[in-house]
Amino acid sequence: MGTRPRRSQAERDEITVEIGYALFSACFLGGIVFATIAGPAFVWHLPPSVERSLVATGTVVGGVLAVMRVVHVLWRFDSQRR
């Protein structure tokens, strides 16, 4: 187990800001994707099975893309730091 040098306050702040950015942009992306896919279910009167499938699909796709966004942003940040 190697010893790592301690991070400075500026480095810790930089990491905190990057995590916040990753989470904020992921929530924004997930919300936009969910609204795009599930929006018609809330605007128009569709059959119940179609409404359920649109909401479920929007939830899954929005959630997956949000997680992918967090991973992508933090991975890119880590590779730029090295």
PDB file of N, CA and C in Angstrom:
ATOM      1  N   MET A   1       0.836  -1.165   0.000  1.00  0.00           N
ATOM      2  CA  MET A   1       0.000   0.000   0.000  1.00  0.00           C
ATOM      3  C   MET A   1       0.884   1.233   0.000  1.00  0.00           C
ATOM      4  N   GLY A   2       0.843   1.938  -1.100  1.00  0.00           N
ATOM      5  CA  GLY A   2       1.665   3.132  -1.225  1.00  0.00           C
ATOM      6  C   GLY A   2       1.061   4.309  -0.488  1.00  0.00           C
ATOM      7  N   THR A   3       1.922   5.228  -0.181  1.00  0.00           N
ATOM      8  CA  THR A   3       1.437   6.439   0.459  1.00  0.00           C
ATOM      9  C   THR A   3       1.231   7.505  -0.597  1.00  0.00           C
ATOM     10  N   ARG A   4       0.093   8.096  -0.550  1.00  0.00           N
ATOM     11  CA  ARG A   4      -0.228   9.159  -1.497  1.00  0.00           C
ATOM     12  C   ARG A   4       0.054  10.501  -0.846  1.00  0.00           C
ATOM     13  N   PRO A   5       0.523  11.446  -1.642  1.00  0.00           N
ATOM     14  CA  PRO A   5       0.698  12.785  -1.064  1.00  0.00           C
ATOM     15  C   PRO A   5      -0.656  13.394  -0.734  1.00  0.00           C
ATOM     16  N   ARG A   6      -0.703  14.159   0.302  1.00  0.00           N
ATOM     17  CA  ARG A   6      -1.960  14.793   0.707  1.00  0.00           C
ATOM     18  C   ARG A   6      -2.373  15.821  -0.334  1.00  0.00           C
ATOM     19  N   ARG A   7      -3.656  15.922  -0.552  1.00  0.00           N
ATOM     20  CA  ARG A   7      -4.172  16.885  -1.512  1.00  0.00           C
ATOM     21  C   ARG A   7      -4.276  18.262  -0.854  1.00  0.00           C
ATOM     22  N   SER A   8      -3.991  19.280  -1.642  1.00  0.00           N
ATOM     23  CA  SER A   8      -4.127  20.638  -1.134  1.00  0.00           C
ATOM     24  C   SER A   8      -5.610  21.016  -1.092  1.00  0.00           C
ATOM     25  N   GLN A   9      -5.879  22.115  -0.417  1.00  0.00           N
ATOM     26  CA  GLN A   9      -7.266  22.579  -0.332  1.00  0.00           C
ATOM     27  C   GLN A   9      -7.798  22.925  -1.718  1.00  0.00           C
ATOM     28  N   ALA A  10      -6.964  23.487  -2.563  1.00  0.00           N
ATOM     29  CA  ALA A  10      -7.393  23.836  -3.928  1.00  0.00           C
ATOM     30  C   ALA A  10      -7.763  22.584  -4.719  1.00  0.00           C
ATOM     31  N   GLU A  11      -7.000  21.517  -4.556  1.00  0.00           N
ATOM     32  CA  GLU A  11      -7.312  20.268  -5.252  1.00  0.00           C
ATOM     33  C   GLU A  11      -8.622  19.671  -4.735  1.00  0.00           C
ATOM     34  N   ARG A  12      -8.820  19.719  -3.440  1.00  0.00           N
ATOM     35  CA  ARG A  12     -10.081  19.205  -2.881  1.00  0.00           C
ATOM     36  C   ARG A  12     -11.264  20.029  -3.354  1.00  0.00           C
ATOM     37  N   ASP A  13     -11.104  21.348  -3.421  1.00  0.00           N
ATOM     38  CA  ASP A  13     -12.175  22.207  -3.924  1.00  0.00           C
ATOM     39  C   ASP A  13     -12.463  21.917  -5.390  1.00  0.00           C
ATOM     40  N   GLU A  14     -11.412  21.700  -6.166  1.00  0.00           N
ATOM     41  CA  GLU A  14     -11.578  21.395  -7.587  1.00  0.00           C
ATOM     42  C   GLU A  14     -12.369  20.094  -7.775  1.00  0.00           C
ATOM     43  N   ILE A  15     -12.059  19.098  -6.985  1.00  0.00           N
ATOM     44  CA  ILE A  15     -12.768  17.822  -7.057  1.00  0.00           C
ATOM     45  C   ILE A  15     -14.233  18.003  -6.655  1.00  0.00           C
ATOM     46  N   THR A  16     -14.472  18.782  -5.599  1.00  0.00           N
ATOM     47  CA  THR A  16     -15.834  19.026  -5.142  1.00  0.00           C
ATOM     48  C   THR A  16     -16.659  19.726  -6.216  1.00  0.00           C
ATOM     49  N   VAL A  17     -16.077  20.730  -6.853  1.00  0.00           N
ATOM     50  CA  VAL A  17     -16.784  21.451  -7.913  1.00  0.00           C
ATOM     51  C   VAL A  17     -17.073  20.518  -9.077  1.00  0.00           C
ATOM     52  N   GLU A  18     -16.129  19.674  -9.430  1.00  0.00           N
ATOM     53  CA  GLU A  18     -16.326  18.756 -10.556  1.00  0.00           C
ATOM     54  C   GLU A  18     -17.426  17.742 -10.255  1.00  0.00           C
ATOM     55  N   ILE A  19     -17.474  17.247  -9.032  1.00  0.00           N
ATOM     56  CA  ILE A  19     -18.540  16.319  -8.649  1.00  0.00           C
ATOM     57  C   ILE A  19     -19.891  17.025  -8.701  1.00  0.00           C
ATOM     58  N   GLY A  20     -19.948  18.251  -8.200  1.00  0.00           N
ATOM     59  CA  GLY A  20     -21.188  19.017  -8.263  1.00  0.00           C
ATOM     60  C   GLY A  20     -21.637  19.253  -9.692  1.00  0.00           C
ATOM     61  N   TYR A  21     -20.690  19.607 -10.568  1.00  0.00           N
ATOM     62  CA  TYR A  21     -21.009  19.808 -11.976  1.00  0.00           C
ATOM     63  C   TYR A  21     -21.527  18.509 -12.596  1.00  0.00           C
ATOM     64  N   ALA A  22     -20.871  17.390 -12.285  1.00  0.00           N
ATOM     65  CA  ALA A  22     -21.291  16.106 -12.843  1.00  0.00           C
ATOM     66  C   ALA A  22     -22.711  15.768 -12.408  1.00  0.00           C
ATOM     67  N   LEU A  23     -23.024  15.977 -11.143  1.00  0.00           N
ATOM     68  CA  LEU A  23     -24.363  15.661 -10.648  1.00  0.00           C
ATOM     69  C   LEU A  23     -25.416  16.608 -11.216  1.00  0.00           C
ATOM     70  N   PHE A  24     -25.091  17.903 -11.277  1.00  0.00           N
ATOM     71  CA  PHE A  24     -26.045  18.866 -11.807  1.00  0.00           C
ATOM     72  C   PHE A  24     -26.334  18.594 -13.275  1.00  0.00           C
ATOM     73  N   SER A  25     -25.290  18.390 -14.071  1.00  0.00           N
ATOM     74  CA  SER A  25     -25.507  18.157 -15.500  1.00  0.00           C
ATOM     75  C   SER A  25     -26.215  16.823 -15.738  1.00  0.00           C
ATOM     76  N   ALA A  26     -25.960  15.832 -14.885  1.00  0.00           N
ATOM     77  CA  ALA A  26     -26.649  14.546 -15.015  1.00  0.00           C
ATOM     78  C   ALA A  26     -28.131  14.689 -14.700  1.00  0.00           C
ATOM     79  N   CYS A  27     -28.460  15.436 -13.662  1.00  0.00           N
ATOM     80  CA  CYS A  27     -29.882  15.653 -13.331  1.00  0.00           C
ATOM     81  C   CYS A  27     -30.578  16.422 -14.440  1.00  0.00           C
ATOM     82  N   PHE A  28     -29.903  17.421 -14.981  1.00  0.00           N
ATOM     83  CA  PHE A  28     -30.490  18.195 -16.068  1.00  0.00           C
ATOM     84  C   PHE A  28     -30.726  17.309 -17.289  1.00  0.00           C
ATOM     85  N   LEU A  29     -29.720  16.529 -17.673  1.00  0.00           N
ATOM     86  CA  LEU A  29     -29.855  15.632 -18.819  1.00  0.00           C
ATOM     87  C   LEU A  29     -30.959  14.607 -18.589  1.00  0.00           C
ATOM     88  N   GLY A  30     -30.964  13.984 -17.422  1.00  0.00           N
ATOM     89  CA  GLY A  30     -31.989  12.992 -17.113  1.00  0.00           C
ATOM     90  C   GLY A  30     -33.385  13.580 -17.141  1.00  0.00           C
ATOM     91  N   GLY A  31     -33.529  14.794 -16.614  1.00  0.00           N
ATOM     92  CA  GLY A  31     -34.834  15.441 -16.622  1.00  0.00           C
ATOM     93  C   GLY A  31     -35.311  15.792 -18.027  1.00  0.00           C
ATOM     94  N   ILE A  32     -34.398  16.286 -18.852  1.00  0.00           N
ATOM     95  CA  ILE A  32     -34.759  16.633 -20.227  1.00  0.00           C
ATOM     96  C   ILE A  32     -35.149  15.378 -21.013  1.00  0.00           C
ATOM     97  N   VAL A  33     -34.375  14.318 -20.860  1.00  0.00           N
ATOM     98  CA  VAL A  33     -34.687  13.074 -21.576  1.00  0.00           C
ATOM     99  C   VAL A  33     -36.009  12.498 -21.087  1.00  0.00           C
ATOM    100  N   PHE A  34     -36.222  12.499 -19.778  1.00  0.00           N
ATOM    101  CA  PHE A  34     -37.497  11.997 -19.246  1.00  0.00           C
ATOM    102  C   PHE A  34     -38.666  12.813 -19.788  1.00  0.00           C
ATOM    103  N   ALA A  35     -38.538  14.136 -19.763  1.00  0.00           N
ATOM    104  CA  ALA A  35     -39.628  14.983 -20.250  1.00  0.00           C
ATOM    105  C   ALA A  35     -39.880  14.771 -21.735  1.00  0.00           C
ATOM    106  N   THR A  36     -38.825  14.547 -22.490  1.00  0.00           N
ATOM    107  CA  THR A  36     -38.987  14.333 -23.926  1.00  0.00           C
ATOM    108  C   THR A  36     -39.727  13.033 -24.215  1.00  0.00           C
ATOM    109  N   ILE A  37     -39.368  11.986 -23.500  1.00  0.00           N
ATOM    110  CA  ILE A  37     -39.974  10.679 -23.767  1.00  0.00           C
ATOM    111  C   ILE A  37     -41.351  10.562 -23.111  1.00  0.00           C
ATOM    112  N   ALA A  38     -41.463  10.968 -21.858  1.00  0.00           N
ATOM    113  CA  ALA A  38     -42.714  10.776 -21.123  1.00  0.00           C
ATOM    114  C   ALA A  38     -43.679  11.950 -21.278  1.00  0.00           C
ATOM    115  N   GLY A  39     -43.217  13.053 -21.821  1.00  0.00           N
ATOM    116  CA  GLY A  39     -44.059  14.240 -21.950  1.00  0.00           C
ATOM    117  C   GLY A  39     -45.386  14.005 -22.642  1.00  0.00           C
ATOM    118  N   PRO A  40     -45.402  13.305 -23.760  1.00  0.00           N
ATOM    119  CA  PRO A  40     -46.689  13.073 -24.424  1.00  0.00           C
ATOM    120  C   PRO A  40     -47.720  12.358 -23.538  1.00  0.00           C
ATOM    121  N   ALA A  41     -47.263  11.552 -22.617  1.00  0.00           N
ATOM    122  CA  ALA A  41     -48.191  10.851 -21.725  1.00  0.00           C
ATOM    123  C   ALA A  41     -48.897  11.829 -20.791  1.00  0.00           C
ATOM    124  N   PHE A  42     -48.246  12.959 -20.489  1.00  0.00           N
ATOM    125  CA  PHE A  42     -48.845  13.941 -19.593  1.00  0.00           C
ATOM    126  C   PHE A  42     -49.630  15.013 -20.340  1.00  0.00           C
ATOM    127  N   VAL A  43     -49.363  15.143 -21.635  1.00  0.00           N
ATOM    128  CA  VAL A  43     -50.019  16.187 -22.424  1.00  0.00           C
ATOM    129  C   VAL A  43     -51.291  15.678 -23.095  1.00  0.00           C
ATOM    130  N   TRP A  44     -51.215  14.519 -23.706  1.00  0.00           N
ATOM    131  CA  TRP A  44     -52.350  13.980 -24.447  1.00  0.00           C
ATOM    132  C   TRP A  44     -52.991  12.820 -23.696  1.00  0.00           C
ATOM    133  N   HIS A  45     -54.228  12.571 -23.996  1.00  0.00           N
ATOM    134  CA  HIS A  45     -54.936  11.437 -23.412  1.00  0.00           C
ATOM    135  C   HIS A  45     -54.647  10.204 -24.269  1.00  0.00           C
ATOM    136  N   LEU A  46     -53.772   9.381 -23.768  1.00  0.00           N
ATOM    137  CA  LEU A  46     -53.371   8.158 -24.465  1.00  0.00           C
ATOM    138  C   LEU A  46     -53.915   6.953 -23.708  1.00  0.00           C
ATOM    139  N   PRO A  47     -53.944   5.805 -24.340  1.00  0.00           N
ATOM    140  CA  PRO A  47     -54.350   4.600 -23.614  1.00  0.00           C
ATOM    141  C   PRO A  47     -53.432   4.364 -22.398  1.00  0.00           C
ATOM    142  N   PRO A  48     -53.989   3.854 -21.314  1.00  0.00           N
ATOM    143  CA  PRO A  48     -53.194   3.672 -20.082  1.00  0.00           C
ATOM    144  C   PRO A  48     -51.914   2.862 -20.289  1.00  0.00           C
ATOM    145  N   SER A  49     -51.972   1.831 -21.130  1.00  0.00           N
ATOM    146  CA  SER A  49     -50.761   1.022 -21.336  1.00  0.00           C
ATOM    147  C   SER A  49     -49.670   1.836 -22.036  1.00  0.00           C
ATOM    148  N   VAL A  50     -50.040   2.698 -22.946  1.00  0.00           N
ATOM    149  CA  VAL A  50     -49.067   3.545 -23.640  1.00  0.00           C
ATOM    150  C   VAL A  50     -48.486   4.571 -22.669  1.00  0.00           C
ATOM    151  N   GLU A  51     -49.325   5.156 -21.837  1.00  0.00           N
ATOM    152  CA  GLU A  51     -48.846   6.119 -20.843  1.00  0.00           C
ATOM    153  C   GLU A  51     -47.843   5.476 -19.894  1.00  0.00           C
ATOM    154  N   ARG A  52     -48.192   4.284 -19.401  1.00  0.00           N
ATOM    155  CA  ARG A  52     -47.283   3.585 -18.487  1.00  0.00           C
ATOM    156  C   ARG A  52     -45.956   3.262 -19.167  1.00  0.00           C
ATOM    157  N   SER A  53     -46.021   2.813 -20.409  1.00  0.00           N
ATOM    158  CA  SER A  53     -44.778   2.445 -21.095  1.00  0.00           C
ATOM    159  C   SER A  53     -43.928   3.680 -21.391  1.00  0.00           C
ATOM    160  N   LEU A  54     -44.547   4.802 -21.734  1.00  0.00           N
ATOM    161  CA  LEU A  54     -43.770   6.027 -21.970  1.00  0.00           C
ATOM    162  C   LEU A  54     -43.097   6.513 -20.691  1.00  0.00           C
ATOM    163  N   VAL A  55     -43.834   6.494 -19.594  1.00  0.00           N
ATOM    164  CA  VAL A  55     -43.257   6.934 -18.323  1.00  0.00           C
ATOM    165  C   VAL A  55     -42.142   5.981 -17.889  1.00  0.00           C
ATOM    166  N   ALA A  56     -42.359   4.690 -18.017  1.00  0.00           N
ATOM    167  CA  ALA A  56     -41.331   3.715 -17.634  1.00  0.00           C
ATOM    168  C   ALA A  56     -40.092   3.847 -18.519  1.00  0.00           C
ATOM    169  N   THR A  57     -40.300   3.984 -19.821  1.00  0.00           N
ATOM    170  CA  THR A  57     -39.172   4.138 -20.731  1.00  0.00           C
ATOM    171  C   THR A  57     -38.417   5.427 -20.447  1.00  0.00           C
ATOM    172  N   GLY A  58     -39.138   6.517 -20.219  1.00  0.00           N
ATOM    173  CA  GLY A  58     -38.489   7.788 -19.892  1.00  0.00           C
ATOM    174  C   GLY A  58     -37.682   7.712 -18.607  1.00  0.00           C
ATOM    175  N   THR A  59     -38.227   7.008 -17.628  1.00  0.00           N
ATOM    176  CA  THR A  59     -37.518   6.861 -16.357  1.00  0.00           C
ATOM    177  C   THR A  59     -36.236   6.064 -16.531  1.00  0.00           C
ATOM    178  N   VAL A  60     -36.319   4.955 -17.228  1.00  0.00           N
ATOM    179  CA  VAL A  60     -35.142   4.101 -17.414  1.00  0.00           C
ATOM    180  C   VAL A  60     -34.082   4.799 -18.256  1.00  0.00           C
ATOM    181  N   VAL A  61     -34.485   5.339 -19.391  1.00  0.00           N
ATOM    182  CA  VAL A  61     -33.518   5.987 -20.285  1.00  0.00           C
ATOM    183  C   VAL A  61     -32.905   7.219 -19.615  1.00  0.00           C
ATOM    184  N   GLY A  62     -33.742   8.033 -18.968  1.00  0.00           N
ATOM    185  CA  GLY A  62     -33.230   9.208 -18.267  1.00  0.00           C
ATOM    186  C   GLY A  62     -32.266   8.837 -17.153  1.00  0.00           C
ATOM    187  N   GLY A  63     -32.587   7.808 -16.395  1.00  0.00           N
ATOM    188  CA  GLY A  63     -31.707   7.364 -15.312  1.00  0.00           C
ATOM    189  C   GLY A  63     -30.388   6.809 -15.812  1.00  0.00           C
ATOM    190  N   VAL A  64     -30.451   6.005 -16.858  1.00  0.00           N
ATOM    191  CA  VAL A  64     -29.226   5.424 -17.416  1.00  0.00           C
ATOM    192  C   VAL A  64     -28.330   6.522 -17.981  1.00  0.00           C
ATOM    193  N   LEU A  65     -28.912   7.456 -18.716  1.00  0.00           N
ATOM    194  CA  LEU A  65     -28.112   8.539 -19.276  1.00  0.00           C
ATOM    195  C   LEU A  65     -27.531   9.444 -18.193  1.00  0.00           C
ATOM    196  N   ALA A  66     -28.261   9.653 -17.112  1.00  0.00           N
ATOM    197  CA  ALA A  66     -27.741  10.456 -16.008  1.00  0.00           C
ATOM    198  C   ALA A  66     -26.524   9.780 -15.376  1.00  0.00           C
ATOM    199  N   VAL A  67     -26.615   8.485 -15.147  1.00  0.00           N
ATOM    200  CA  VAL A  67     -25.470   7.756 -14.579  1.00  0.00           C
ATOM    201  C   VAL A  67     -24.290   7.783 -15.547  1.00  0.00           C
ATOM    202  N   MET A  68     -24.570   7.595 -16.822  1.00  0.00           N
ATOM    203  CA  MET A  68     -23.496   7.636 -17.817  1.00  0.00           C
ATOM    204  C   MET A  68     -22.837   9.016 -17.856  1.00  0.00           C
ATOM    205  N   ARG A  69     -23.623  10.074 -17.671  1.00  0.00           N
ATOM    206  CA  ARG A  69     -23.078  11.432 -17.674  1.00  0.00           C
ATOM    207  C   ARG A  69     -22.143  11.634 -16.487  1.00  0.00           C
ATOM    208  N   VAL A  70     -22.540  11.189 -15.308  1.00  0.00           N
ATOM    209  CA  VAL A  70     -21.681  11.325 -14.128  1.00  0.00           C
ATOM    210  C   VAL A  70     -20.367  10.580 -14.346  1.00  0.00           C
ATOM    211  N   VAL A  71     -20.458   9.357 -14.825  1.00  0.00           N
ATOM    212  CA  VAL A  71     -19.242   8.554 -15.059  1.00  0.00           C
ATOM    213  C   VAL A  71     -18.357   9.235 -16.091  1.00  0.00           C
ATOM    214  N   HIS A  72     -18.944   9.718 -17.173  1.00  0.00           N
ATOM    215  CA  HIS A  72     -18.162  10.350 -18.236  1.00  0.00           C
ATOM    216  C   HIS A  72     -17.441  11.608 -17.735  1.00  0.00           C
ATOM    217  N   VAL A  73     -18.153  12.468 -17.023  1.00  0.00           N
ATOM    218  CA  VAL A  73     -17.553  13.712 -16.539  1.00  0.00           C
ATOM    219  C   VAL A  73     -16.431  13.424 -15.552  1.00  0.00           C
ATOM    220  N   LEU A  74     -16.657  12.507 -14.626  1.00  0.00           N
ATOM    221  CA  LEU A  74     -15.629  12.228 -13.623  1.00  0.00           C
ATOM    222  C   LEU A  74     -14.443  11.475 -14.225  1.00  0.00           C
ATOM    223  N   TRP A  75     -14.693  10.612 -15.186  1.00  0.00           N
ATOM    224  CA  TRP A  75     -13.603   9.917 -15.866  1.00  0.00           C
ATOM    225  C   TRP A  75     -12.736  10.914 -16.635  1.00  0.00           C
ATOM    226  N   ARG A  76     -13.403  11.814 -17.361  1.00  0.00           N
ATOM    227  CA  ARG A  76     -12.674  12.826 -18.127  1.00  0.00           C
ATOM    228  C   ARG A  76     -11.862  13.709 -17.181  1.00  0.00           C
ATOM    229  N   PHE A  77     -12.432  14.074 -16.058  1.00  0.00           N
ATOM    230  CA  PHE A  77     -11.726  14.909 -15.085  1.00  0.00           C
ATOM    231  C   PHE A  77     -10.488  14.181 -14.555  1.00  0.00           C
ATOM    232  N   ASP A  78     -10.662  12.907 -14.241  1.00  0.00           N
ATOM    233  CA  ASP A  78      -9.528  12.130 -13.721  1.00  0.00           C
ATOM    234  C   ASP A  78      -8.419  11.996 -14.767  1.00  0.00           C
ATOM    235  N   SER A  79      -8.797  11.768 -16.015  1.00  0.00           N
ATOM    236  CA  SER A  79      -7.767  11.619 -17.049  1.00  0.00           C
ATOM    237  C   SER A  79      -7.059  12.942 -17.331  1.00  0.00           C
ATOM    238  N   GLN A  80      -7.746  14.070 -17.177  1.00  0.00           N
ATOM    239  CA  GLN A  80      -7.104  15.369 -17.400  1.00  0.00           C
ATOM    240  C   GLN A  80      -6.153  15.707 -16.267  1.00  0.00           C
ATOM    241  N   ARG A  81      -6.426  15.231 -15.068  1.00  0.00           N
ATOM    242  CA  ARG A  81      -5.558  15.520 -13.926  1.00  0.00           C
ATOM    243  C   ARG A  81      -4.246  14.771 -13.999  1.00  0.00           C
ATOM    244  N   ARG A  82      -4.230  13.637 -14.687  1.00  0.00           N
ATOM    245  CA  ARG A  82      -3.017  12.813 -14.726  1.00  0.00           C
ATOM    246  C   ARG A  82      -2.042  13.292 -15.730  1.00  0.00           C
TER     247      ARG A  82
END
